[in-house]
């Protein structure tokens, strides 16, 4: 997790298993269901950019992605 814009924290996660925009929507929905985070997912880069408004353990995000059926590397 790193500082961003002096106020928020962010992380970038590499996501494997996404093949279409439906997959992107599934990953985005899974991450956004975690309280205190917001995600933007990029299919081409296979990345999820996650912004936090509070301290959230990365394992919570990773677990949400895996429960949605995708891998975090």
Protein backbone atom coordinates (compact mmCIF):
# COMPACT_ATOMS: atom_id res chain seq x y z
CA UNK A 1 0.00 0.00 0.00
CA UNK A 2 1.31 3.45 -0.90
CA UNK A 3 0.29 7.06 -0.28
CA UNK A 4 -1.66 8.67 -3.07
CA UNK A 5 -2.71 12.31 -3.32
CA UNK A 6 -1.56 12.79 0.29
CA UNK A 7 -4.83 11.40 1.64
CA UNK A 8 -5.60 7.99 0.24
CA UNK A 9 -3.76 4.71 -0.02
CA UNK A 10 -3.59 2.50 -3.10
CA UNK A 11 -2.29 -0.85 -4.29
CA UNK A 12 -1.98 -2.51 -7.68
CA UNK A 13 -2.82 -6.19 -7.98
CA UNK A 14 -1.99 -8.40 -10.97
CA UNK A 15 -5.08 -10.47 -11.83
CA UNK A 16 -5.00 -13.68 -13.88
CA UNK A 17 -7.96 -15.41 -15.48
CA UNK A 18 -9.86 -12.44 -16.89
CA UNK A 19 -10.81 -12.88 -20.56
CA UNK A 20 -13.56 -10.32 -21.17
CA UNK A 21 -15.35 -7.26 -19.84
CA UNK A 22 -17.73 -9.50 -17.89
CA UNK A 23 -14.69 -10.79 -15.99
CA UNK A 24 -13.60 -7.21 -15.34
CA UNK A 25 -17.05 -6.44 -13.95
CA UNK A 26 -16.90 -9.52 -11.69
CA UNK A 27 -13.49 -8.59 -10.29
CA UNK A 28 -14.50 -4.96 -9.83
CA UNK A 29 -17.70 -5.96 -8.03
CA UNK A 30 -15.82 -8.41 -5.77
CA UNK A 31 -13.24 -5.83 -4.74
CA UNK A 32 -15.74 -3.00 -4.34
CA UNK A 33 -17.76 -5.22 -1.98
CA UNK A 34 -14.91 -4.86 0.53
CA UNK A 35 -15.71 -1.97 2.86
CA UNK A 36 -13.38 1.00 2.47
CA UNK A 37 -12.01 0.25 -1.01
CA UNK A 38 -12.71 1.18 -4.61
CA UNK A 39 -11.26 -0.58 -7.65
CA UNK A 40 -10.59 0.13 -11.29
CA UNK A 41 -9.77 -3.03 -13.25
CA UNK A 42 -7.90 -3.09 -16.57
CA UNK A 43 -8.33 -6.20 -18.75
CA UNK A 44 -5.44 -5.47 -21.11
CA UNK A 45 -2.93 -4.89 -18.29
CA UNK A 46 -4.52 -7.59 -16.12
CA UNK A 47 -4.42 -5.18 -13.17
CA UNK A 48 -6.68 -3.91 -10.45
CA UNK A 49 -5.90 -0.46 -9.05
CA UNK A 50 -7.42 -0.31 -5.58
CA UNK A 51 -7.84 2.90 -3.59
CA UNK A 52 -8.41 2.68 0.17
CA UNK A 53 -10.07 5.19 2.49
CA UNK A 54 -8.95 3.19 5.55
CA UNK A 55 -6.44 0.51 6.46
CA UNK A 56 -7.44 -2.76 4.74
CA UNK A 57 -5.16 -5.79 4.65
CA UNK A 58 -4.19 -6.82 1.10
CA UNK A 59 -5.18 -10.40 1.95
CA UNK A 60 -8.81 -9.25 2.19
CA UNK A 61 -8.64 -7.98 -1.41
CA UNK A 62 -6.83 -11.11 -2.60
CA UNK A 63 -9.44 -13.32 -0.94
CA UNK A 64 -12.31 -11.39 -2.57
CA UNK A 65 -10.72 -11.80 -6.02
CA UNK A 66 -10.10 -15.52 -5.48
CA UNK A 67 -13.67 -16.05 -4.27
CA UNK A 68 -14.82 -14.46 -7.53
CA UNK A 69 -12.85 -17.14 -9.42
CA UNK A 70 -9.68 -15.31 -10.43
CA UNK A 71 -6.04 -15.49 -9.37
CA UNK A 72 -3.85 -12.75 -7.91
CA UNK A 73 -0.16 -13.03 -8.70
